[in-house]
Amino acid sequence: MATETQKTDQPQDQRGSRRQMIGVVTSDKMTKTRIVMVTHRVKHQAYQKYVTKRVKYKAHDEKNETRSGDKVLMVESRPLSREKRWRIEKLLERPEQA
């Protein structure tokens, strides 16, 4: 006899922890898509020096409110397109224009 699992309708906040990253928007030329660069400082195994690693992610921006140079918080999401698996949660910092 198979046991049935019960579905619980939980809000998105309680569903589990999703990965979060902070990065800088490098391109805002696409509609509802931003390219965000995330930098990591990693210690090199052989030389024991810290190296800066950079990775670019495509993130979904529903309202088209972020611009190039903005510091944003990204949250992992379901696949939205072939390369988009992140969405922009909130704008953290906007650089001052000269």
N, C-alpha and C. Protein backbone atom coordinates (compact mmCIF):
# COMPACT_ATOMS: atom_id res chain seq x y z
N MET A 1 0.85 -1.17 0.00
CA MET A 1 0.00 0.00 0.00
C MET A 1 0.90 1.24 0.00
N ALA A 2 0.69 2.12 -0.95
CA ALA A 2 1.51 3.32 -1.08
C ALA A 2 0.96 4.42 -0.18
N THR A 3 1.84 5.14 0.43
CA THR A 3 1.41 6.26 1.26
C THR A 3 1.38 7.52 0.42
N GLU A 4 0.40 8.34 0.64
CA GLU A 4 0.26 9.58 -0.12
C GLU A 4 0.95 10.71 0.63
N THR A 5 1.63 11.53 -0.14
CA THR A 5 2.25 12.70 0.46
C THR A 5 1.29 13.86 0.36
N GLN A 6 1.23 14.64 1.40
CA GLN A 6 0.32 15.77 1.41
C GLN A 6 1.02 17.00 0.90
N LYS A 7 0.32 17.73 0.05
CA LYS A 7 0.84 18.99 -0.48
C LYS A 7 0.53 20.10 0.51
N THR A 8 1.48 20.94 0.75
CA THR A 8 1.24 22.09 1.61
C THR A 8 1.38 23.34 0.78
N ASP A 9 0.40 24.20 0.86
CA ASP A 9 0.46 25.46 0.14
C ASP A 9 1.17 26.49 1.01
N GLN A 10 2.48 26.57 0.84
CA GLN A 10 3.28 27.49 1.62
C GLN A 10 3.66 28.68 0.76
N PRO A 11 3.75 29.85 1.37
CA PRO A 11 4.22 31.00 0.61
C PRO A 11 5.66 30.79 0.15
N GLN A 12 6.09 31.60 -0.79
CA GLN A 12 7.41 31.46 -1.38
C GLN A 12 8.51 31.64 -0.34
N ASP A 13 8.28 32.43 0.70
CA ASP A 13 9.30 32.69 1.71
C ASP A 13 9.64 31.42 2.49
N GLN A 14 8.66 30.56 2.72
CA GLN A 14 8.85 29.40 3.57
C GLN A 14 9.16 28.14 2.78
N ARG A 15 9.29 28.24 1.46
CA ARG A 15 9.48 27.06 0.62
C ARG A 15 10.87 26.46 0.75
N GLY A 16 11.80 27.23 1.15
CA GLY A 16 13.18 26.77 1.26
C GLY A 16 14.10 27.92 0.92
N SER A 17 15.35 27.76 1.27
CA SER A 17 16.27 28.85 1.00
C SER A 17 16.77 28.77 -0.43
N ARG A 18 16.69 29.89 -1.12
CA ARG A 18 17.20 29.98 -2.48
C ARG A 18 18.53 30.70 -2.44
N ARG A 19 19.41 30.36 -3.38
CA ARG A 19 20.71 31.00 -3.41
C ARG A 19 20.55 32.47 -3.76
N GLN A 20 21.38 33.30 -3.16
CA GLN A 20 21.37 34.74 -3.42
C GLN A 20 22.77 35.19 -3.75
N MET A 21 22.86 36.17 -4.64
CA MET A 21 24.15 36.75 -5.00
C MET A 21 24.01 38.25 -5.16
N ILE A 22 25.09 38.94 -4.85
CA ILE A 22 25.13 40.39 -5.05
C ILE A 22 26.11 40.66 -6.18
N GLY A 23 25.67 41.47 -7.14
CA GLY A 23 26.52 41.77 -8.28
C GLY A 23 26.22 43.14 -8.84
N VAL A 24 26.95 43.49 -9.90
CA VAL A 24 26.81 44.79 -10.55
C VAL A 24 26.29 44.57 -11.97
N VAL A 25 25.28 45.35 -12.35
CA VAL A 25 24.71 45.25 -13.70
C VAL A 25 25.73 45.81 -14.69
N THR A 26 26.08 45.00 -15.68
CA THR A 26 27.05 45.45 -16.69
C THR A 26 26.38 45.80 -18.00
N SER A 27 25.20 45.24 -18.26
CA SER A 27 24.52 45.54 -19.51
C SER A 27 23.01 45.59 -19.27
N ASP A 28 22.36 46.61 -19.85
CA ASP A 28 20.90 46.73 -19.74
C ASP A 28 20.28 46.92 -21.11
N LYS A 29 20.89 46.35 -22.15
CA LYS A 29 20.44 46.57 -23.51
C LYS A 29 19.27 45.68 -23.91
N MET A 30 19.03 44.58 -23.17
CA MET A 30 17.93 43.68 -23.49
C MET A 30 16.68 44.06 -22.71
N THR A 31 15.53 43.72 -23.23
CA THR A 31 14.28 43.98 -22.55
C THR A 31 14.06 42.93 -21.47
N LYS A 32 13.85 43.39 -20.24
CA LYS A 32 13.58 42.55 -19.07
C LYS A 32 14.72 41.59 -18.73
N THR A 33 15.89 41.78 -19.29
CA THR A 33 17.05 40.95 -18.99
C THR A 33 18.24 41.84 -18.73
N ARG A 34 18.97 41.52 -17.68
CA ARG A 34 20.18 42.26 -17.33
C ARG A 34 21.32 41.28 -17.22
N ILE A 35 22.52 41.72 -17.59
CA ILE A 35 23.72 40.91 -17.38
C ILE A 35 24.38 41.45 -16.12
N VAL A 36 24.55 40.56 -15.14
CA VAL A 36 25.08 40.93 -13.84
C VAL A 36 26.40 40.22 -13.63
N MET A 37 27.44 40.99 -13.23
CA MET A 37 28.74 40.42 -12.95
C MET A 37 28.91 40.26 -11.45
N VAL A 38 29.25 39.03 -11.04
CA VAL A 38 29.48 38.71 -9.64
C VAL A 38 30.96 38.39 -9.47
N THR A 39 31.59 39.01 -8.48
CA THR A 39 33.01 38.77 -8.23
C THR A 39 33.19 37.97 -6.95
N HIS A 40 34.12 37.03 -6.97
CA HIS A 40 34.46 36.20 -5.82
C HIS A 40 35.96 36.29 -5.57
N ARG A 41 36.36 36.35 -4.32
CA ARG A 41 37.78 36.31 -3.97
C ARG A 41 38.08 34.90 -3.47
N VAL A 42 38.97 34.20 -4.19
CA VAL A 42 39.28 32.81 -3.90
C VAL A 42 40.77 32.67 -3.66
N LYS A 43 41.15 31.86 -2.70
CA LYS A 43 42.56 31.63 -2.42
C LYS A 43 43.10 30.58 -3.39
N HIS A 44 44.19 30.90 -4.07
CA HIS A 44 44.81 29.98 -5.02
C HIS A 44 45.45 28.83 -4.26
N GLN A 45 45.25 27.60 -4.74
CA GLN A 45 45.75 26.44 -4.01
C GLN A 45 47.26 26.37 -3.97
N ALA A 46 47.90 26.61 -5.09
CA ALA A 46 49.35 26.44 -5.15
C ALA A 46 50.09 27.64 -4.57
N TYR A 47 49.63 28.86 -4.92
CA TYR A 47 50.38 30.05 -4.56
C TYR A 47 49.90 30.74 -3.28
N GLN A 48 48.78 30.30 -2.75
CA GLN A 48 48.23 30.84 -1.50
C GLN A 48 47.96 32.34 -1.57
N LYS A 49 47.70 32.84 -2.76
CA LYS A 49 47.34 34.25 -2.92
C LYS A 49 45.87 34.32 -3.30
N TYR A 50 45.24 35.46 -3.00
CA TYR A 50 43.84 35.63 -3.33
C TYR A 50 43.69 36.12 -4.77
N VAL A 51 42.79 35.45 -5.50
CA VAL A 51 42.53 35.76 -6.90
C VAL A 51 41.08 36.18 -7.03
N THR A 52 40.82 37.19 -7.85
CA THR A 52 39.45 37.64 -8.08
C THR A 52 38.87 36.89 -9.27
N LYS A 53 37.79 36.16 -9.05
CA LYS A 53 37.09 35.44 -10.12
C LYS A 53 35.82 36.21 -10.43
N ARG A 54 35.52 36.34 -11.72
CA ARG A 54 34.31 37.05 -12.14
C ARG A 54 33.46 36.13 -12.99
N VAL A 55 32.16 36.16 -12.74
CA VAL A 55 31.21 35.36 -13.50
C VAL A 55 30.06 36.26 -13.91
N LYS A 56 29.61 36.12 -15.17
CA LYS A 56 28.46 36.91 -15.65
C LYS A 56 27.23 36.02 -15.68
N TYR A 57 26.12 36.55 -15.16
CA TYR A 57 24.85 35.85 -15.16
C TYR A 57 23.82 36.71 -15.87
N LYS A 58 22.85 36.05 -16.52
CA LYS A 58 21.71 36.77 -17.07
C LYS A 58 20.58 36.68 -16.05
N ALA A 59 20.04 37.83 -15.69
CA ALA A 59 19.01 37.89 -14.65
C ALA A 59 17.77 38.58 -15.19
N HIS A 60 16.61 38.16 -14.71
CA HIS A 60 15.33 38.71 -15.14
C HIS A 60 14.99 39.95 -14.32
N ASP A 61 14.63 41.03 -15.01
CA ASP A 61 14.22 42.27 -14.37
C ASP A 61 12.85 42.64 -14.93
N GLU A 62 11.81 42.27 -14.22
CA GLU A 62 10.44 42.39 -14.72
C GLU A 62 10.06 43.83 -15.05
N LYS A 63 10.48 44.79 -14.24
CA LYS A 63 10.04 46.18 -14.42
C LYS A 63 11.02 47.04 -15.20
N ASN A 64 12.13 46.47 -15.65
CA ASN A 64 13.16 47.22 -16.38
C ASN A 64 13.63 48.44 -15.59
N GLU A 65 13.81 48.28 -14.27
CA GLU A 65 14.15 49.43 -13.45
C GLU A 65 15.64 49.58 -13.16
N THR A 66 16.44 48.53 -13.40
CA THR A 66 17.87 48.65 -13.13
C THR A 66 18.62 49.12 -14.36
N ARG A 67 19.72 49.82 -14.11
CA ARG A 67 20.55 50.34 -15.19
C ARG A 67 21.98 49.84 -15.02
N SER A 68 22.78 50.08 -16.01
CA SER A 68 24.17 49.66 -15.97
C SER A 68 24.89 50.37 -14.83
N GLY A 69 25.65 49.62 -14.03
CA GLY A 69 26.37 50.17 -12.90
C GLY A 69 25.67 50.00 -11.57
N ASP A 70 24.41 49.57 -11.56
CA ASP A 70 23.67 49.38 -10.32
C ASP A 70 24.12 48.11 -9.59
N LYS A 71 24.13 48.17 -8.27
CA LYS A 71 24.43 47.01 -7.44
C LYS A 71 23.10 46.37 -7.06
N VAL A 72 22.92 45.07 -7.37
CA VAL A 72 21.64 44.41 -7.18
C VAL A 72 21.80 43.10 -6.41
N LEU A 73 20.68 42.65 -5.85
CA LEU A 73 20.59 41.36 -5.19
C LEU A 73 19.83 40.42 -6.12
N MET A 74 20.45 39.29 -6.49
CA MET A 74 19.81 38.30 -7.35
C MET A 74 19.40 37.09 -6.54
N VAL A 75 18.29 36.46 -6.95
CA VAL A 75 17.79 35.26 -6.29
C VAL A 75 17.61 34.19 -7.36
N GLU A 76 17.95 32.97 -7.01
CA GLU A 76 17.81 31.85 -7.92
C GLU A 76 16.33 31.61 -8.21
N SER A 77 16.00 31.25 -9.45
CA SER A 77 14.61 30.99 -9.81
C SER A 77 14.54 29.82 -10.79
N ARG A 78 13.36 29.50 -11.20
CA ARG A 78 13.19 28.44 -12.19
C ARG A 78 13.76 28.93 -13.52
N PRO A 79 14.07 28.03 -14.45
CA PRO A 79 14.60 28.48 -15.74
C PRO A 79 13.59 29.33 -16.49
N LEU A 80 13.98 30.55 -16.84
CA LEU A 80 13.10 31.46 -17.55
C LEU A 80 13.38 31.48 -19.04
N SER A 81 14.58 31.10 -19.43
CA SER A 81 14.95 30.95 -20.83
C SER A 81 16.14 30.01 -20.88
N ARG A 82 16.81 29.94 -22.01
CA ARG A 82 17.92 29.00 -22.14
C ARG A 82 19.05 29.31 -21.16
N GLU A 83 19.32 30.58 -20.92
CA GLU A 83 20.44 30.96 -20.06
C GLU A 83 20.03 31.72 -18.79
N LYS A 84 18.75 32.05 -18.66
CA LYS A 84 18.31 32.86 -17.52
C LYS A 84 17.78 31.97 -16.40
N ARG A 85 18.50 31.95 -15.26
CA ARG A 85 18.06 31.19 -14.09
C ARG A 85 18.06 32.04 -12.84
N TRP A 86 18.18 33.33 -12.97
CA TRP A 86 18.22 34.26 -11.84
C TRP A 86 17.22 35.38 -12.09
N ARG A 87 16.73 35.97 -11.00
CA ARG A 87 15.90 37.16 -11.13
C ARG A 87 16.39 38.20 -10.14
N ILE A 88 16.23 39.46 -10.51
CA ILE A 88 16.69 40.54 -9.66
C ILE A 88 15.64 40.79 -8.59
N GLU A 89 16.06 40.63 -7.34
CA GLU A 89 15.15 40.79 -6.20
C GLU A 89 14.99 42.27 -5.84
N LYS A 90 16.12 42.97 -5.66
CA LYS A 90 16.01 44.38 -5.33
C LYS A 90 17.28 45.13 -5.70
N LEU A 91 17.11 46.42 -5.85
CA LEU A 91 18.20 47.33 -6.16
C LEU A 91 18.85 47.75 -4.84
N LEU A 92 20.14 47.50 -4.69
CA LEU A 92 20.83 47.82 -3.45
C LEU A 92 21.46 49.21 -3.49
N GLU A 93 22.08 49.55 -4.60
CA GLU A 93 22.82 50.80 -4.66
C GLU A 93 22.87 51.28 -6.11
N ARG A 94 22.65 52.57 -6.28
CA ARG A 94 22.75 53.17 -7.61
C ARG A 94 23.86 54.21 -7.59
N PRO A 95 24.82 54.14 -8.51
CA PRO A 95 25.91 55.13 -8.49
C PRO A 95 25.39 56.53 -8.84
N GLU A 96 26.02 57.51 -8.24
CA GLU A 96 25.62 58.89 -8.50
C GLU A 96 26.13 59.33 -9.87
N GLN A 97 25.26 60.01 -10.61
CA GLN A 97 25.63 60.49 -11.93
C GLN A 97 26.37 61.83 -11.81
N ALA A 98 27.42 62.01 -12.59
CA ALA A 98 28.22 63.25 -12.51
C ALA A 98 27.57 64.37 -13.30
